[in-house]
Amino acid sequence: MGALAWIVLAGVTMTGIALLGAVTFLLPARVQQKLLLPLVAFSAGSLLGSAFIFLAWLGIFGLPLWAPLGIALVYAFVVFRWV
């Protein structure tokens, strides 16, 4: 797949994620308040976990970063599925 196709695919994916976030504004205020803290904590935890995976890999093995990408994707799947 060419570079332009990857750019378009990434743009469409990010647009879909942004639209899901925008839909939360349509929810009642009571539901938004109940969802806000767990969602923010969950997203911050998953971002920090992925960052630590990449930093540990760089510190121990250096480049390339394909292996920690796979580890981070498995980590994200486990966190999103079971936590």
Protein backbone atom coordinates (compact mmCIF):
# COMPACT_ATOMS: atom_id res chain seq x y z
CA MET A 1 0.00 0.00 0.00
CA GLY A 2 1.34 3.41 -0.95
CA ALA A 3 2.04 6.32 1.35
CA LEU A 4 -1.03 8.24 0.24
CA ALA A 5 -3.28 5.28 1.03
CA TRP A 6 -1.80 5.01 4.53
CA ILE A 7 -2.34 8.73 5.08
CA VAL A 8 -5.96 8.52 3.95
CA LEU A 9 -6.58 5.41 6.07
CA ALA A 10 -5.09 7.05 9.15
CA GLY A 11 -7.11 10.22 8.53
CA VAL A 12 -10.37 8.29 8.19
CA THR A 13 -9.60 6.27 11.32
CA MET A 14 -8.82 9.35 13.39
CA THR A 15 -11.96 11.06 12.09
CA GLY A 16 -14.04 8.09 13.23
CA ILE A 17 -12.47 8.18 16.68
CA ALA A 18 -13.08 11.94 16.93
CA LEU A 19 -16.70 11.47 15.93
CA LEU A 20 -17.16 8.88 18.67
CA GLY A 21 -15.82 11.42 21.13
CA ALA A 22 -18.13 14.09 19.77
CA VAL A 23 -21.15 11.81 20.19
CA THR A 24 -20.55 11.82 23.94
CA PHE A 25 -21.66 15.46 23.97
CA LEU A 26 -25.11 14.28 22.93
CA LEU A 27 -25.45 12.18 26.08
CA PRO A 28 -27.27 13.64 29.10
CA ALA A 29 -25.10 15.60 31.55
CA ARG A 30 -25.63 13.01 34.28
CA VAL A 31 -24.25 10.22 32.09
CA GLN A 32 -21.34 12.40 30.96
CA GLN A 33 -20.30 13.03 34.55
CA LYS A 34 -20.35 9.32 35.35
CA LEU A 35 -18.31 8.44 32.25
CA LEU A 36 -15.76 11.24 32.32
CA LEU A 37 -13.43 10.19 35.14
CA PRO A 38 -13.16 6.47 34.21
CA LEU A 39 -12.59 7.27 30.54
CA VAL A 40 -9.90 9.86 31.24
CA ALA A 41 -8.16 7.59 33.75
CA PHE A 42 -8.33 4.65 31.34
CA SER A 43 -6.92 6.60 28.41
CA ALA A 44 -4.13 8.11 30.50
CA GLY A 45 -3.18 4.70 31.88
CA SER A 46 -3.09 3.05 28.47
CA LEU A 47 -0.98 5.87 27.01
CA LEU A 48 1.49 5.70 29.90
CA GLY A 49 1.69 1.91 29.65
CA SER A 50 2.47 2.06 25.94
CA ALA A 51 5.05 4.80 26.49
CA PHE A 52 6.81 2.71 29.15
CA ILE A 53 6.87 -0.30 26.80
CA PHE A 54 8.58 1.73 24.08
CA LEU A 55 11.01 3.46 26.45
CA ALA A 56 12.02 0.18 28.06
CA TRP A 57 12.59 -1.37 24.63
CA LEU A 58 14.70 1.60 23.50
CA GLY A 59 16.74 1.50 26.70
CA ILE A 60 17.43 -2.22 26.51
CA PHE A 61 17.54 -3.08 22.79
CA GLY A 62 17.52 0.17 20.81
CA LEU A 63 16.05 0.28 17.32
CA PRO A 64 13.99 -1.06 15.42
CA LEU A 65 10.65 -0.53 17.13
CA TRP A 66 8.53 -3.22 15.44
CA ALA A 67 8.60 -5.59 18.41
CA PRO A 68 7.45 -3.02 21.00
CA LEU A 69 4.70 -2.00 18.59
CA GLY A 70 3.41 -5.56 18.68
CA ILE A 71 3.77 -5.70 22.45
CA ALA A 72 1.93 -2.38 22.82
CA LEU A 73 -0.90 -3.59 20.57
CA VAL A 74 -1.28 -6.78 22.62
CA TYR A 75 -1.15 -4.67 25.79
CA ALA A 76 -3.86 -2.36 24.43
CA PHE A 77 -6.05 -5.33 23.50
CA VAL A 78 -5.67 -6.85 26.96
CA VAL A 79 -6.39 -3.54 28.69
CA PHE A 80 -9.41 -2.76 26.52
CA ARG A 81 -10.78 -6.29 26.83
CA TRP A 82 -10.25 -7.25 30.46
CA VAL A 83 -9.72 -4.05 32.46
